[in-house]
């Protein structure tokens, strides 16, 4: 955490404020630092099996991308879920996949 110039002033400053970005501070263009990379299906299967996901669970995937984890959890295990992503194009792809795969959306 970066503090203000004055020792006694407790104002908070954004940790990325010194980066040169096209997006306004506080965080800049995070996709330039961390671009979307799809999770391999084998990894998704391992994660959901390890977590023992069931129809009584509610899964929240922050940074869901194409929604593959959520779709797999709903189709295979009957879990309810919510996918959240900052990128509208990825959300559009996820929504198309939900309808294509005929996953019930509550």
PDB file of N, CA and C in Angstrom:
ATOM      1  N   UNK A   1       0.857  -1.171   0.000  1.00  0.00           N
ATOM      2  CA  UNK A   1       0.000   0.000   0.000  1.00  0.00           C
ATOM      3  C   UNK A   1       0.898   1.227   0.000  1.00  0.00           C
ATOM      4  N   UNK A   2       0.578   2.156  -0.836  1.00  0.00           N
ATOM      5  CA  UNK A   2       1.351   3.392  -0.942  1.00  0.00           C
ATOM      6  C   UNK A   2       0.610   4.483  -0.191  1.00  0.00           C
ATOM      7  N   UNK A   3       1.316   5.159   0.669  1.00  0.00           N
ATOM      8  CA  UNK A   3       0.704   6.227   1.449  1.00  0.00           C
ATOM      9  C   UNK A   3       1.064   7.567   0.815  1.00  0.00           C
ATOM     10  N   UNK A   4       0.404   8.613   1.278  1.00  0.00           N
ATOM     11  CA  UNK A   4       0.648   9.956   0.744  1.00  0.00           C
ATOM     12  C   UNK A   4       2.030  10.459   1.151  1.00  0.00           C
ATOM     13  N   UNK A   5       2.410  11.574   0.559  1.00  0.00           N
ATOM     14  CA  UNK A   5       3.720  12.168   0.816  1.00  0.00           C
ATOM     15  C   UNK A   5       3.900  12.531   2.293  1.00  0.00           C
ATOM     16  N   UNK A   6       2.837  13.006   2.941  1.00  0.00           N
ATOM     17  CA  UNK A   6       2.929  13.437   4.335  1.00  0.00           C
ATOM     18  C   UNK A   6       2.783  12.242   5.256  1.00  0.00           C
ATOM     19  N   UNK A   7       3.730  12.105   6.166  1.00  0.00           N
ATOM     20  CA  UNK A   7       3.705  10.981   7.100  1.00  0.00           C
ATOM     21  C   UNK A   7       2.416  10.916   7.902  1.00  0.00           C
ATOM     22  N   UNK A   8       1.902  12.057   8.350  1.00  0.00           N
ATOM     23  CA  UNK A   8       0.718  12.081   9.191  1.00  0.00           C
ATOM     24  C   UNK A   8      -0.586  11.883   8.424  1.00  0.00           C
ATOM     25  N   UNK A   9      -0.560  12.007   7.104  1.00  0.00           N
ATOM     26  CA  UNK A   9      -1.756  11.877   6.277  1.00  0.00           C
ATOM     27  C   UNK A   9      -1.975  10.398   5.961  1.00  0.00           C
ATOM     28  N   UNK A  10      -3.130   9.880   6.289  1.00  0.00           N
ATOM     29  CA  UNK A  10      -3.372   8.451   6.098  1.00  0.00           C
ATOM     30  C   UNK A  10      -4.150   8.155   4.821  1.00  0.00           C
ATOM     31  N   UNK A  11      -4.126   9.065   3.836  1.00  0.00           N
ATOM     32  CA  UNK A  11      -4.838   8.853   2.567  1.00  0.00           C
ATOM     33  C   UNK A  11      -4.243   7.658   1.839  1.00  0.00           C
ATOM     34  N   UNK A  12      -5.117   6.848   1.268  1.00  0.00           N
ATOM     35  CA  UNK A  12      -4.688   5.671   0.540  1.00  0.00           C
ATOM     36  C   UNK A  12      -4.475   6.009  -0.919  1.00  0.00           C
ATOM     37  N   UNK A  13      -3.443   5.455  -1.523  1.00  0.00           N
ATOM     38  CA  UNK A  13      -3.181   5.645  -2.945  1.00  0.00           C
ATOM     39  C   UNK A  13      -3.175   4.278  -3.628  1.00  0.00           C
ATOM     40  N   UNK A  14      -3.672   4.212  -4.840  1.00  0.00           N
ATOM     41  CA  UNK A  14      -3.761   2.957  -5.582  1.00  0.00           C
ATOM     42  C   UNK A  14      -2.378   2.356  -5.810  1.00  0.00           C
ATOM     43  N   UNK A  15      -2.245   1.027  -5.652  1.00  0.00           N
ATOM     44  CA  UNK A  15      -0.935   0.396  -5.802  1.00  0.00           C
ATOM     45  C   UNK A  15      -0.386   0.465  -7.223  1.00  0.00           C
ATOM     46  N   UNK A  16      -1.235   0.649  -8.248  1.00  0.00           N
ATOM     47  CA  UNK A  16      -0.780   0.686  -9.623  1.00  0.00           C
ATOM     48  C   UNK A  16      -0.783   2.098 -10.209  1.00  0.00           C
ATOM     49  N   UNK A  17      -0.890   3.102  -9.380  1.00  0.00           N
ATOM     50  CA  UNK A  17      -1.058   4.454  -9.897  1.00  0.00           C
ATOM     51  C   UNK A  17       0.142   4.946 -10.694  1.00  0.00           C
ATOM     52  N   UNK A  18       1.304   4.400 -10.506  1.00  0.00           N
ATOM     53  CA  UNK A  18       2.487   4.849 -11.224  1.00  0.00           C
ATOM     54  C   UNK A  18       2.647   4.173 -12.585  1.00  0.00           C
ATOM     55  N   UNK A  19       1.830   3.172 -12.891  1.00  0.00           N
ATOM     56  CA  UNK A  19       1.898   2.501 -14.183  1.00  0.00           C
ATOM     57  C   UNK A  19       1.342   3.402 -15.268  1.00  0.00           C
ATOM     58  N   UNK A  20       1.954   3.366 -16.428  1.00  0.00           N
ATOM     59  CA  UNK A  20       1.429   4.119 -17.560  1.00  0.00           C
ATOM     60  C   UNK A  20       0.423   3.234 -18.280  1.00  0.00           C
ATOM     61  N   UNK A  21      -0.849   3.553 -18.167  1.00  0.00           N
ATOM     62  CA  UNK A  21      -1.903   2.764 -18.798  1.00  0.00           C
ATOM     63  C   UNK A  21      -2.876   3.696 -19.501  1.00  0.00           C
ATOM     64  N   UNK A  22      -3.727   3.110 -20.322  1.00  0.00           N
ATOM     65  CA  UNK A  22      -4.758   3.886 -20.980  1.00  0.00           C
ATOM     66  C   UNK A  22      -6.017   3.932 -20.135  1.00  0.00           C
ATOM     67  N   UNK A  23      -6.093   3.089 -19.139  1.00  0.00           N
ATOM     68  CA  UNK A  23      -7.249   3.024 -18.264  1.00  0.00           C
ATOM     69  C   UNK A  23      -6.947   3.831 -17.008  1.00  0.00           C
ATOM     70  N   UNK A  24      -7.964   4.467 -16.469  1.00  0.00           N
ATOM     71  CA  UNK A  24      -7.770   5.317 -15.285  1.00  0.00           C
ATOM     72  C   UNK A  24      -7.321   4.511 -14.074  1.00  0.00           C
ATOM     73  N   UNK A  25      -6.548   5.143 -13.237  1.00  0.00           N
ATOM     74  CA  UNK A  25      -6.180   4.590 -11.940  1.00  0.00           C
ATOM     75  C   UNK A  25      -7.487   4.376 -11.180  1.00  0.00           C
ATOM     76  N   UNK A  26      -7.701   3.399 -10.327  1.00  0.00           N
ATOM     77  CA  UNK A  26      -6.642   2.815  -9.534  1.00  0.00           C
ATOM     78  C   UNK A  26      -5.979   1.565 -10.097  1.00  0.00           C
ATOM     79  N   UNK A  27      -6.554   0.874 -11.064  1.00  0.00           N
ATOM     80  CA  UNK A  27      -6.003  -0.439 -11.399  1.00  0.00           C
ATOM     81  C   UNK A  27      -5.418  -0.579 -12.789  1.00  0.00           C
ATOM     82  N   UNK A  28      -5.631   0.363 -13.676  1.00  0.00           N
ATOM     83  CA  UNK A  28      -5.068   0.235 -15.005  1.00  0.00           C
ATOM     84  C   UNK A  28      -5.713  -0.902 -15.775  1.00  0.00           C
ATOM     85  N   UNK A  29      -5.110  -1.293 -16.867  1.00  0.00           N
ATOM     86  CA  UNK A  29      -5.634  -2.359 -17.720  1.00  0.00           C
ATOM     87  C   UNK A  29      -5.134  -3.699 -17.201  1.00  0.00           C
ATOM     88  N   UNK A  30      -5.928  -4.334 -16.371  1.00  0.00           N
ATOM     89  CA  UNK A  30      -5.509  -5.592 -15.762  1.00  0.00           C
ATOM     90  C   UNK A  30      -5.378  -6.710 -16.783  1.00  0.00           C
ATOM     91  N   UNK A  31      -6.124  -6.646 -17.896  1.00  0.00           N
ATOM     92  CA  UNK A  31      -5.997  -7.698 -18.900  1.00  0.00           C
ATOM     93  C   UNK A  31      -4.640  -7.663 -19.588  1.00  0.00           C
ATOM     94  N   UNK A  32      -3.986  -6.518 -19.598  1.00  0.00           N
ATOM     95  CA  UNK A  32      -2.633  -6.446 -20.138  1.00  0.00           C
ATOM     96  C   UNK A  32      -1.668  -7.197 -19.218  1.00  0.00           C
ATOM     97  N   UNK A  33      -1.972  -7.209 -17.935  1.00  0.00           N
ATOM     98  CA  UNK A  33      -1.135  -7.907 -16.965  1.00  0.00           C
ATOM     99  C   UNK A  33      -1.525  -9.371 -16.820  1.00  0.00           C
ATOM    100  N   UNK A  34      -2.802  -9.668 -17.029  1.00  0.00           N
ATOM    101  CA  UNK A  34      -3.314 -11.016 -16.823  1.00  0.00           C
ATOM    102  C   UNK A  34      -4.374 -11.325 -17.876  1.00  0.00           C
ATOM    103  N   UNK A  35      -3.956 -11.722 -19.083  1.00  0.00           N
ATOM    104  CA  UNK A  35      -4.925 -11.982 -20.149  1.00  0.00           C
ATOM    105  C   UNK A  35      -5.733 -13.254 -19.887  1.00  0.00           C
ATOM    106  N   UNK A  36      -6.880 -13.365 -20.560  1.00  0.00           N
ATOM    107  CA  UNK A  36      -7.726 -14.546 -20.417  1.00  0.00           C
ATOM    108  C   UNK A  36      -7.027 -15.777 -20.976  1.00  0.00           C
ATOM    109  N   UNK A  37      -6.999 -16.825 -20.193  1.00  0.00           N
ATOM    110  CA  UNK A  37      -6.504 -18.125 -20.628  1.00  0.00           C
ATOM    111  C   UNK A  37      -7.529 -19.153 -20.145  1.00  0.00           C
ATOM    112  N   UNK A  38      -8.092 -19.919 -21.073  1.00  0.00           N
ATOM    113  CA  UNK A  38      -9.114 -20.909 -20.717  1.00  0.00           C
ATOM    114  C   UNK A  38      -8.511 -22.019 -19.864  1.00  0.00           C
ATOM    115  N   UNK A  39      -9.261 -22.452 -18.854  1.00  0.00           N
ATOM    116  CA  UNK A  39      -8.846 -23.567 -18.007  1.00  0.00           C
ATOM    117  C   UNK A  39      -9.087 -24.861 -18.767  1.00  0.00           C
ATOM    118  N   UNK A  40      -8.096 -25.751 -18.850  1.00  0.00           N
ATOM    119  CA  UNK A  40      -8.286 -27.024 -19.546  1.00  0.00           C
ATOM    120  C   UNK A  40      -9.395 -27.860 -18.894  1.00  0.00           C
ATOM    121  N   UNK A  41     -10.177 -28.575 -19.706  1.00  0.00           N
ATOM    122  CA  UNK A  41     -11.292 -29.362 -19.194  1.00  0.00           C
ATOM    123  C   UNK A  41     -10.840 -30.389 -18.160  1.00  0.00           C
ATOM    124  N   UNK A  42      -9.670 -30.999 -18.346  1.00  0.00           N
ATOM    125  CA  UNK A  42      -9.169 -31.982 -17.369  1.00  0.00           C
ATOM    126  C   UNK A  42      -8.954 -31.328 -16.005  1.00  0.00           C
ATOM    127  N   UNK A  43      -8.478 -30.089 -15.998  1.00  0.00           N
ATOM    128  CA  UNK A  43      -8.281 -29.372 -14.739  1.00  0.00           C
ATOM    129  C   UNK A  43      -9.631 -29.051 -14.092  1.00  0.00           C
ATOM    130  N   UNK A  44     -10.605 -28.667 -14.915  1.00  0.00           N
ATOM    131  CA  UNK A  44     -11.948 -28.378 -14.392  1.00  0.00           C
ATOM    132  C   UNK A  44     -12.539 -29.630 -13.761  1.00  0.00           C
ATOM    133  N   UNK A  45     -12.427 -30.746 -14.457  1.00  0.00           N
ATOM    134  CA  UNK A  45     -12.949 -32.019 -13.930  1.00  0.00           C
ATOM    135  C   UNK A  45     -12.293 -32.369 -12.591  1.00  0.00           C
ATOM    136  N   UNK A  46     -10.974 -32.212 -12.525  1.00  0.00           N
ATOM    137  CA  UNK A  46     -10.241 -32.510 -11.289  1.00  0.00           C
ATOM    138  C   UNK A  46     -10.687 -31.604 -10.150  1.00  0.00           C
ATOM    139  N   UNK A  47     -10.826 -30.320 -10.427  1.00  0.00           N
ATOM    140  CA  UNK A  47     -11.242 -29.356  -9.397  1.00  0.00           C
ATOM    141  C   UNK A  47     -12.633 -29.700  -8.866  1.00  0.00           C
ATOM    142  N   UNK A  48     -13.585 -29.902  -9.772  1.00  0.00           N
ATOM    143  CA  UNK A  48     -14.964 -30.168  -9.347  1.00  0.00           C
ATOM    144  C   UNK A  48     -15.084 -31.509  -8.634  1.00  0.00           C
ATOM    145  N   UNK A  49     -14.349 -32.512  -9.104  1.00  0.00           N
ATOM    146  CA  UNK A  49     -14.357 -33.820  -8.421  1.00  0.00           C
ATOM    147  C   UNK A  49     -13.747 -33.714  -7.029  1.00  0.00           C
ATOM    148  N   UNK A  50     -12.630 -32.991  -6.934  1.00  0.00           N
ATOM    149  CA  UNK A  50     -11.952 -32.828  -5.644  1.00  0.00           C
ATOM    150  C   UNK A  50     -12.833 -32.089  -4.646  1.00  0.00           C
ATOM    151  N   UNK A  51     -13.549 -31.078  -5.133  1.00  0.00           N
ATOM    152  CA  UNK A  51     -14.442 -30.307  -4.264  1.00  0.00           C
ATOM    153  C   UNK A  51     -15.744 -31.041  -3.954  1.00  0.00           C
ATOM    154  N   UNK A  52     -15.977 -32.152  -4.652  1.00  0.00           N
ATOM    155  CA  UNK A  52     -17.199 -32.948  -4.468  1.00  0.00           C
ATOM    156  C   UNK A  52     -18.443 -32.071  -4.626  1.00  0.00           C
ATOM    157  N   UNK A  53     -18.469 -31.330  -5.730  1.00  0.00           N
ATOM    158  CA  UNK A  53     -19.604 -30.457  -6.049  1.00  0.00           C
ATOM    159  C   UNK A  53     -20.869 -31.296  -6.198  1.00  0.00           C
ATOM    160  N   UNK A  54     -21.987 -30.775  -5.696  1.00  0.00           N
ATOM    161  CA  UNK A  54     -23.268 -31.477  -5.825  1.00  0.00           C
ATOM    162  C   UNK A  54     -24.373 -30.474  -6.116  1.00  0.00           C
ATOM    163  N   UNK A  55     -25.578 -30.977  -6.297  1.00  0.00           N
ATOM    164  CA  UNK A  55     -26.709 -30.103  -6.611  1.00  0.00           C
ATOM    165  C   UNK A  55     -27.090 -29.187  -5.454  1.00  0.00           C
ATOM    166  N   UNK A  56     -26.561 -29.426  -4.267  1.00  0.00           N
ATOM    167  CA  UNK A  56     -26.844 -28.551  -3.125  1.00  0.00           C
ATOM    168  C   UNK A  56     -25.852 -27.390  -3.028  1.00  0.00           C
ATOM    169  N   UNK A  57     -24.842 -27.388  -3.903  1.00  0.00           N
ATOM    170  CA  UNK A  57     -23.813 -26.346  -3.866  1.00  0.00           C
ATOM    171  C   UNK A  57     -24.159 -25.177  -4.777  1.00  0.00           C
ATOM    172  N   UNK A  58     -23.609 -24.015  -4.441  1.00  0.00           N
ATOM    173  CA  UNK A  58     -23.723 -22.826  -5.264  1.00  0.00           C
ATOM    174  C   UNK A  58     -22.305 -22.361  -5.562  1.00  0.00           C
ATOM    175  N   UNK A  59     -21.901 -22.460  -6.807  1.00  0.00           N
ATOM    176  CA  UNK A  59     -20.539 -22.152  -7.227  1.00  0.00           C
ATOM    177  C   UNK A  59     -20.468 -20.737  -7.780  1.00  0.00           C
ATOM    178  N   UNK A  60     -19.489 -19.960  -7.318  1.00  0.00           N
ATOM    179  CA  UNK A  60     -19.249 -18.622  -7.849  1.00  0.00           C
ATOM    180  C   UNK A  60     -17.860 -18.632  -8.474  1.00  0.00           C
ATOM    181  N   UNK A  61     -17.791 -18.310  -9.760  1.00  0.00           N
ATOM    182  CA  UNK A  61     -16.521 -18.264 -10.473  1.00  0.00           C
ATOM    183  C   UNK A  61     -16.226 -16.825 -10.864  1.00  0.00           C
ATOM    184  N   UNK A  62     -15.296 -16.206 -10.150  1.00  0.00           N
ATOM    185  CA  UNK A  62     -14.881 -14.838 -10.455  1.00  0.00           C
ATOM    186  C   UNK A  62     -13.822 -14.894 -11.546  1.00  0.00           C
ATOM    187  N   UNK A  63     -14.073 -14.208 -12.635  1.00  0.00           N
ATOM    188  CA  UNK A  63     -13.180 -14.304 -13.790  1.00  0.00           C
ATOM    189  C   UNK A  63     -13.521 -15.548 -14.587  1.00  0.00           C
ATOM    190  N   UNK A  64     -14.823 -15.751 -14.822  1.00  0.00           N
ATOM    191  CA  UNK A  64     -15.321 -17.008 -15.402  1.00  0.00           C
ATOM    192  C   UNK A  64     -14.984 -17.195 -16.874  1.00  0.00           C
ATOM    193  N   UNK A  65     -14.597 -16.127 -17.563  1.00  0.00           N
ATOM    194  CA  UNK A  65     -14.251 -16.282 -18.975  1.00  0.00           C
ATOM    195  C   UNK A  65     -15.410 -16.841 -19.780  1.00  0.00           C
ATOM    196  N   UNK A  66     -15.191 -17.973 -20.421  1.00  0.00           N
ATOM    197  CA  UNK A  66     -16.213 -18.613 -21.252  1.00  0.00           C
ATOM    198  C   UNK A  66     -17.277 -19.336 -20.438  1.00  0.00           C
ATOM    199  N   UNK A  67     -17.106 -19.419 -19.128  1.00  0.00           N
ATOM    200  CA  UNK A  67     -18.098 -20.066 -18.269  1.00  0.00           C
ATOM    201  C   UNK A  67     -17.995 -21.577 -18.218  1.00  0.00           C
ATOM    202  N   UNK A  68     -16.893 -22.122 -18.663  1.00  0.00           N
ATOM    203  CA  UNK A  68     -16.752 -23.572 -18.765  1.00  0.00           C
ATOM    204  C   UNK A  68     -16.850 -24.269 -17.412  1.00  0.00           C
ATOM    205  N   UNK A  69     -16.283 -23.683 -16.377  1.00  0.00           N
ATOM    206  CA  UNK A  69     -16.370 -24.297 -15.043  1.00  0.00           C
ATOM    207  C   UNK A  69     -17.820 -24.329 -14.584  1.00  0.00           C
ATOM    208  N   UNK A  70     -18.528 -23.225 -14.744  1.00  0.00           N
ATOM    209  CA  UNK A  70     -19.930 -23.145 -14.327  1.00  0.00           C
ATOM    210  C   UNK A  70     -20.801 -24.113 -15.125  1.00  0.00           C
ATOM    211  N   UNK A  71     -20.594 -24.160 -16.423  1.00  0.00           N
ATOM    212  CA  UNK A  71     -21.390 -25.037 -17.282  1.00  0.00           C
ATOM    213  C   UNK A  71     -21.155 -26.497 -16.920  1.00  0.00           C
ATOM    214  N   UNK A  72     -19.903 -26.858 -16.689  1.00  0.00           N
ATOM    215  CA  UNK A  72     -19.582 -28.234 -16.293  1.00  0.00           C
ATOM    216  C   UNK A  72     -20.218 -28.573 -14.954  1.00  0.00           C
ATOM    217  N   UNK A  73     -20.145 -27.653 -13.991  1.00  0.00           N
ATOM    218  CA  UNK A  73     -20.734 -27.895 -12.663  1.00  0.00           C
ATOM    219  C   UNK A  73     -22.242 -28.079 -12.757  1.00  0.00           C
ATOM    220  N   UNK A  74     -22.884 -27.303 -13.604  1.00  0.00           N
ATOM    221  CA  UNK A  74     -24.336 -27.407 -13.759  1.00  0.00           C
ATOM    222  C   UNK A  74     -24.737 -28.692 -14.481  1.00  0.00           C
ATOM    223  N   UNK A  75     -24.044 -28.999 -15.573  1.00  0.00           N
ATOM    224  CA  UNK A  75     -24.409 -30.176 -16.375  1.00  0.00           C
ATOM    225  C   UNK A  75     -24.109 -31.489 -15.663  1.00  0.00           C
ATOM    226  N   UNK A  76     -22.931 -31.618 -15.093  1.00  0.00           N
ATOM    227  CA  UNK A  76     -22.507 -32.896 -14.506  1.00  0.00           C
ATOM    228  C   UNK A  76     -23.001 -33.110 -13.080  1.00  0.00           C
ATOM    229  N   UNK A  77     -23.095 -32.014 -12.327  1.00  0.00           N
ATOM    230  CA  UNK A  77     -23.380 -32.169 -10.899  1.00  0.00           C
ATOM    231  C   UNK A  77     -24.680 -31.511 -10.472  1.00  0.00           C
ATOM    232  N   UNK A  78     -25.313 -30.772 -11.365  1.00  0.00           N
ATOM    233  CA  UNK A  78     -26.565 -30.104 -11.033  1.00  0.00           C
ATOM    234  C   UNK A  78     -26.409 -28.923 -10.107  1.00  0.00           C
ATOM    235  N   UNK A  79     -25.186 -28.408  -9.989  1.00  0.00           N
ATOM    236  CA  UNK A  79     -24.924 -27.280  -9.086  1.00  0.00           C
ATOM    237  C   UNK A  79     -25.465 -25.984  -9.678  1.00  0.00           C
ATOM    238  N   UNK A  80     -25.978 -25.132  -8.823  1.00  0.00           N
ATOM    239  CA  UNK A  80     -26.339 -23.775  -9.225  1.00  0.00           C
ATOM    240  C   UNK A  80     -25.063 -22.955  -9.200  1.00  0.00           C
ATOM    241  N   UNK A  81     -25.010 -21.929 -10.039  1.00  0.00           N
ATOM    242  CA  UNK A  81     -23.763 -21.180 -10.069  1.00  0.00           C
ATOM    243  C   UNK A  81     -23.946 -19.779 -10.612  1.00  0.00           C
ATOM    244  N   UNK A  82     -22.890 -19.001 -10.443  1.00  0.00           N
ATOM    245  CA  UNK A  82     -22.827 -17.638 -10.948  1.00  0.00           C
ATOM    246  C   UNK A  82     -21.433 -17.436 -11.509  1.00  0.00           C
ATOM    247  N   UNK A  83     -21.361 -16.983 -12.759  1.00  0.00           N
ATOM    248  CA  UNK A  83     -20.086 -16.636 -13.369  1.00  0.00           C
ATOM    249  C   UNK A  83     -19.991 -15.128 -13.492  1.00  0.00           C
ATOM    250  N   UNK A  84     -18.853 -14.580 -13.134  1.00  0.00           N
ATOM    251  CA  UNK A  84     -18.647 -13.133 -13.172  1.00  0.00           C
ATOM    252  C   UNK A  84     -17.360 -12.859 -13.940  1.00  0.00           C
ATOM    253  N   UNK A  85     -17.429 -11.933 -14.885  1.00  0.00           N
ATOM    254  CA  UNK A  85     -16.218 -11.542 -15.612  1.00  0.00           C
ATOM    255  C   UNK A  85     -16.309 -10.064 -15.961  1.00  0.00           C
ATOM    256  N   UNK A  86     -15.172  -9.413 -16.055  1.00  0.00           N
ATOM    257  CA  UNK A  86     -15.113  -7.989 -16.369  1.00  0.00           C
ATOM    258  C   UNK A  86     -15.233  -7.739 -17.868  1.00  0.00           C
ATOM    259  N   UNK A  87     -14.998  -8.768 -18.673  1.00  0.00           N
ATOM    260  CA  UNK A  87     -14.954  -8.620 -20.123  1.00  0.00           C
ATOM    261  C   UNK A  87     -16.289  -8.993 -20.772  1.00  0.00           C
ATOM    262  N   UNK A  88     -17.028  -8.021 -21.314  1.00  0.00           N
ATOM    263  CA  UNK A  88     -18.340  -8.302 -21.910  1.00  0.00           C
ATOM    264  C   UNK A  88     -18.302  -9.345 -23.033  1.00  0.00           C
ATOM    265  N   UNK A  89     -17.231  -9.370 -23.820  1.00  0.00           N
ATOM    266  CA  UNK A  89     -17.132 -10.348 -24.901  1.00  0.00           C
ATOM    267  C   UNK A  89     -17.079 -11.773 -24.362  1.00  0.00           C
ATOM    268  N   UNK A  90     -16.387 -11.973 -23.254  1.00  0.00           N
ATOM    269  CA  UNK A  90     -16.322 -13.306 -22.652  1.00  0.00           C
ATOM    270  C   UNK A  90     -17.669 -13.710 -22.065  1.00  0.00           C
ATOM    271  N   UNK A  91     -18.371 -12.755 -21.478  1.00  0.00           N
ATOM    272  CA  UNK A  91     -19.719 -13.028 -20.948  1.00  0.00           C
ATOM    273  C   UNK A  91     -20.657 -13.430 -22.083  1.00  0.00           C
ATOM    274  N   UNK A  92     -20.553 -12.756 -23.225  1.00  0.00           N
ATOM    275  CA  UNK A  92     -21.390 -13.092 -24.384  1.00  0.00           C
ATOM    276  C   UNK A  92     -21.111 -14.518 -24.852  1.00  0.00           C
ATOM    277  N   UNK A  93     -19.854 -14.902 -24.887  1.00  0.00           N
ATOM    278  CA  UNK A  93     -19.491 -16.275 -25.273  1.00  0.00           C
ATOM    279  C   UNK A  93     -20.052 -17.271 -24.263  1.00  0.00           C
ATOM    280  N   UNK A  94     -19.932 -16.955 -22.978  1.00  0.00           N
ATOM    281  CA  UNK A  94     -20.462 -17.832 -21.932  1.00  0.00           C
ATOM    282  C   UNK A  94     -21.969 -17.998 -22.076  1.00  0.00           C
ATOM    283  N   UNK A  95     -22.674 -16.899 -22.309  1.00  0.00           N
ATOM    284  CA  UNK A  95     -24.133 -16.972 -22.458  1.00  0.00           C
ATOM    285  C   UNK A  95     -24.534 -17.815 -23.664  1.00  0.00           C
ATOM    286  N   UNK A  96     -23.818 -17.680 -24.779  1.00  0.00           N
ATOM    287  CA  UNK A  96     -24.100 -18.516 -25.954  1.00  0.00           C
ATOM    288  C   UNK A  96     -23.876 -19.990 -25.629  1.00  0.00           C
ATOM    289  N   UNK A  97     -22.832 -20.279 -24.881  1.00  0.00           N
ATOM    290  CA  UNK A  97     -22.535 -21.669 -24.514  1.00  0.00           C
ATOM    291  C   UNK A  97     -23.613 -22.248 -23.603  1.00  0.00           C
ATOM    292  N   UNK A  98     -24.136 -21.420 -22.712  1.00  0.00           N
ATOM    293  CA  UNK A  98     -25.199 -21.872 -21.808  1.00  0.00           C
ATOM    294  C   UNK A  98     -26.413 -22.313 -22.617  1.00  0.00           C
ATOM    295  N   UNK A  99     -26.802 -21.492 -23.584  1.00  0.00           N
ATOM    296  CA  UNK A  99     -27.972 -21.830 -24.403  1.00  0.00           C
ATOM    297  C   UNK A  99     -27.670 -22.978 -25.359  1.00  0.00           C
ATOM    298  N   UNK A 100     -26.475 -23.024 -25.916  1.00  0.00           N
ATOM    299  CA  UNK A 100     -26.079 -24.109 -26.816  1.00  0.00           C
ATOM    300  C   UNK A 100     -26.109 -25.454 -26.095  1.00  0.00           C
ATOM    301  N   UNK A 101     -25.607 -25.452 -24.857  1.00  0.00           N
ATOM    302  CA  UNK A 101     -25.544 -26.687 -24.079  1.00  0.00           C
ATOM    303  C   UNK A 101     -26.824 -26.960 -23.310  1.00  0.00           C
ATOM    304  N   UNK A 102     -27.803 -26.060 -23.470  1.00  0.00           N
ATOM    305  CA  UNK A 102     -29.115 -26.213 -22.844  1.00  0.00           C
ATOM    306  C   UNK A 102     -29.006 -26.367 -21.323  1.00  0.00           C
ATOM    307  N   UNK A 103     -28.167 -25.542 -20.719  1.00  0.00           N
ATOM    308  CA  UNK A 103     -28.018 -25.538 -19.271  1.00  0.00           C
ATOM    309  C   UNK A 103     -29.102 -24.631 -18.698  1.00  0.00           C
ATOM    310  N   UNK A 104     -29.830 -25.134 -17.715  1.00  0.00           N
ATOM    311  CA  UNK A 104     -30.909 -24.356 -17.099  1.00  0.00           C
ATOM    312  C   UNK A 104     -30.342 -23.140 -16.394  1.00  0.00           C
ATOM    313  N   UNK A 105     -30.841 -21.988 -16.721  1.00  0.00           N
ATOM    314  CA  UNK A 105     -30.398 -20.746 -16.078  1.00  0.00           C
ATOM    315  C   UNK A 105     -31.536 -20.274 -15.186  1.00  0.00           C
ATOM    316  N   UNK A 106     -31.266 -20.196 -13.880  1.00  0.00           N
ATOM    317  CA  UNK A 106     -32.301 -19.786 -12.926  1.00  0.00           C
ATOM    318  C   UNK A 106     -32.325 -18.300 -12.774  1.00  0.00           C
TER     319      UNK A 106
END
